[in-house]
C-alpha atoms as a PDB file:
ATOM      1  CA  MET A   1       0.000   0.000   0.000  1.00  0.00           C
ATOM      2  CA  ARG A   2       1.239   3.443  -0.895  1.00  0.00           C
ATOM      3  CA  ILE A   3       0.257   6.257   1.457  1.00  0.00           C
ATOM      4  CA  ILE A   4      -0.504   9.617  -0.120  1.00  0.00           C
ATOM      5  CA  ASP A   5      -0.849  13.005   1.523  1.00  0.00           C
ATOM      6  CA  ALA A   6      -4.216  14.462   0.476  1.00  0.00           C
ATOM      7  CA  THR A   7      -3.911  17.552   2.657  1.00  0.00           C
ATOM      8  CA  PRO A   8      -4.725  20.633   0.596  1.00  0.00           C
ATOM      9  CA  PRO A   9      -2.165  23.435   0.498  1.00  0.00           C
ATOM     10  CA  LYS A  10      -2.424  26.285   3.017  1.00  0.00           C
ATOM     11  CA  ASN A  11      -3.693  28.663   0.325  1.00  0.00           C
ATOM     12  CA  PHE A  12      -6.575  26.365  -0.720  1.00  0.00           C
ATOM     13  CA  PRO A  13      -9.775  28.444  -1.073  1.00  0.00           C
ATOM     14  CA  GLY A  14     -12.126  28.488   1.908  1.00  0.00           C
ATOM     15  CA  GLN A  15     -15.348  27.725   0.027  1.00  0.00           C
ATOM     16  CA  VAL A  16     -15.151  25.476  -3.021  1.00  0.00           C
ATOM     17  CA  ILE A  17     -17.982  23.886  -4.997  1.00  0.00           C
ATOM     18  CA  VAL A  18     -16.931  20.335  -5.826  1.00  0.00           C
ATOM     19  CA  LEU A  19     -18.223  18.247  -8.725  1.00  0.00           C
ATOM     20  CA  ASP A  20     -17.729  14.593  -7.798  1.00  0.00           C
ATOM     21  CA  ASN A  21     -17.437  13.085 -11.286  1.00  0.00           C
ATOM     22  CA  ASP A  22     -17.771   9.463 -10.164  1.00  0.00           C
ATOM     23  CA  LEU A  23     -20.873  10.152  -8.093  1.00  0.00           C
ATOM     24  CA  ALA A  24     -22.353  12.208 -10.953  1.00  0.00           C
ATOM     25  CA  GLU A  25     -22.242   9.146 -13.191  1.00  0.00           C
ATOM     26  CA  ARG A  26     -24.246   7.111 -10.656  1.00  0.00           C
ATOM     27  CA  GLN A  27     -26.497   9.806  -9.148  1.00  0.00           C
ATOM     28  CA  PRO A  28     -26.507  13.025 -11.182  1.00  0.00           C
ATOM     29  CA  ASN A  29     -28.692  14.850  -8.644  1.00  0.00           C
ATOM     30  CA  LYS A  30     -26.021  14.405  -5.937  1.00  0.00           C
ATOM     31  CA  ALA A  31     -23.030  15.448  -8.045  1.00  0.00           C
ATOM     32  CA  PHE A  32     -22.242  18.756  -6.306  1.00  0.00           C
ATOM     33  CA  TYR A  33     -21.296  19.681  -2.769  1.00  0.00           C
ATOM     34  CA  LEU A  34     -19.715  22.687  -1.077  1.00  0.00           C
ATOM     35  CA  ARG A  35     -16.447  22.259   0.827  1.00  0.00           C
ATOM     36  CA  VAL A  36     -16.200  24.878   3.575  1.00  0.00           C
ATOM     37  CA  GLN A  37     -12.976  25.356   5.551  1.00  0.00           C
ATOM     38  CA  VAL A  38     -14.216  26.044   9.091  1.00  0.00           C
ATOM     39  CA  SER A  39     -10.824  26.190  10.802  1.00  0.00           C
ATOM     40  CA  GLU A  40      -7.252  25.237  10.034  1.00  0.00           C
ATOM     41  CA  THR A  41      -8.057  21.597  10.790  1.00  0.00           C
ATOM     42  CA  LYS A  42     -11.810  21.296  10.165  1.00  0.00           C
ATOM     43  CA  VAL A  43     -13.826  21.113   6.961  1.00  0.00           C
ATOM     44  CA  THR A  44     -17.601  20.980   6.613  1.00  0.00           C
ATOM     45  CA  ILE A  45     -19.355  19.475   3.610  1.00  0.00           C
ATOM     46  CA  VAL A  46     -22.658  21.017   2.496  1.00  0.00           C
ATOM     47  CA  PRO A  47     -24.637  18.837   0.057  1.00  0.00           C
ATOM     48  CA  LEU A  48     -26.046  20.662  -2.947  1.00  0.00           C
ATOM     49  CA  ASP A  49     -28.478  17.878  -3.808  1.00  0.00           C
ATOM     50  CA  GLY A  50     -30.688  18.326  -6.826  1.00  0.00           C
ATOM     51  CA  GLU A  51     -28.271  20.582  -8.669  1.00  0.00           C
ATOM     52  CA  VAL A  52     -26.914  19.187 -11.931  1.00  0.00           C
ATOM     53  CA  THR A  53     -25.128  22.276 -13.286  1.00  0.00           C
ATOM     54  CA  LEU A  54     -22.419  24.494 -11.857  1.00  0.00           C
ATOM     55  CA  PRO A  55     -24.575  27.654 -12.039  1.00  0.00           C
ATOM     56  CA  GLY A  56     -27.356  25.834 -10.186  1.00  0.00           C
ATOM     57  CA  ALA A  57     -24.938  24.586  -7.536  1.00  0.00           C
ATOM     58  CA  ARG A  58     -23.494  28.065  -7.086  1.00  0.00           C
ATOM     59  CA  ASN A  59     -26.956  29.606  -6.731  1.00  0.00           C
ATOM     60  CA  ALA A  60     -27.941  26.959  -4.169  1.00  0.00           C
ATOM     61  CA  ALA A  61     -24.818  27.687  -2.119  1.00  0.00           C
ATOM     62  CA  VAL A  62     -25.449  31.437  -2.215  1.00  0.00           C
ATOM     63  CA  ARG A  63     -29.119  30.956  -1.245  1.00  0.00           C
ATOM     64  CA  SER A  64     -27.853  28.980   1.768  1.00  0.00           C
ATOM     65  CA  GLY A  65     -25.696  31.933   2.859  1.00  0.00           C
ATOM     66  CA  TYR A  66     -22.321  30.791   1.519  1.00  0.00           C
ATOM     67  CA  HIS A  67     -19.950  32.643  -0.801  1.00  0.00           C
ATOM     68  CA  PRO A  68     -18.007  30.099  -2.879  1.00  0.00           C
ATOM     69  CA  THR A  69     -15.102  31.603  -4.778  1.00  0.00           C
ATOM     70  CA  HIS A  70     -13.863  28.494  -6.609  1.00  0.00           C
ATOM     71  CA  TRP A  71     -15.002  25.163  -7.964  1.00  0.00           C
ATOM     72  CA  LEU A  72     -13.268  21.929  -8.927  1.00  0.00           C
ATOM     73  CA  GLU A  73     -13.896  18.589 -10.565  1.00  0.00           C
ATOM     74  CA  THR A  74     -12.589  15.600  -8.652  1.00  0.00           C
ATOM     75  CA  ARG A  75     -10.987  14.149 -11.789  1.00  0.00           C
ATOM     76  CA  ILE A  76      -9.012  17.340 -12.384  1.00  0.00           C
ATOM     77  CA  GLY A  77      -8.258  18.092  -8.747  1.00  0.00           C
ATOM     78  CA  TYR A  78      -7.370  21.782  -8.675  1.00  0.00           C
ATOM     79  CA  PRO A  79      -9.704  24.709  -7.977  1.00  0.00           C
ATOM     80  CA  ALA A  80     -10.725  27.196 -10.653  1.00  0.00           C
ATOM     81  CA  ARG A  81     -11.947  30.668  -9.792  1.00  0.00           C
ATOM     82  CA  LEU A  82     -15.649  31.342 -10.301  1.00  0.00           C
ATOM     83  CA  ASP A  83     -16.324  34.435 -12.409  1.00  0.00           C
END
């Protein structure tokens, strides 16, 4: 077994919409979630169930009181800034 370090870098954005590509193939309505950095060591995941597009996921996060600045696809693995 090879151990990998999956710890994001210190400058990783605090609120990132994530598209889980593998889950999207099985359950498209559960493809998106919001990753919120609560503290240096704690992350909260907010499901964005029912959203199947990035604009829809972003709107759902904003309606819930969040302010995501980036998004990423799990297959790509690095955050891209939302415009």
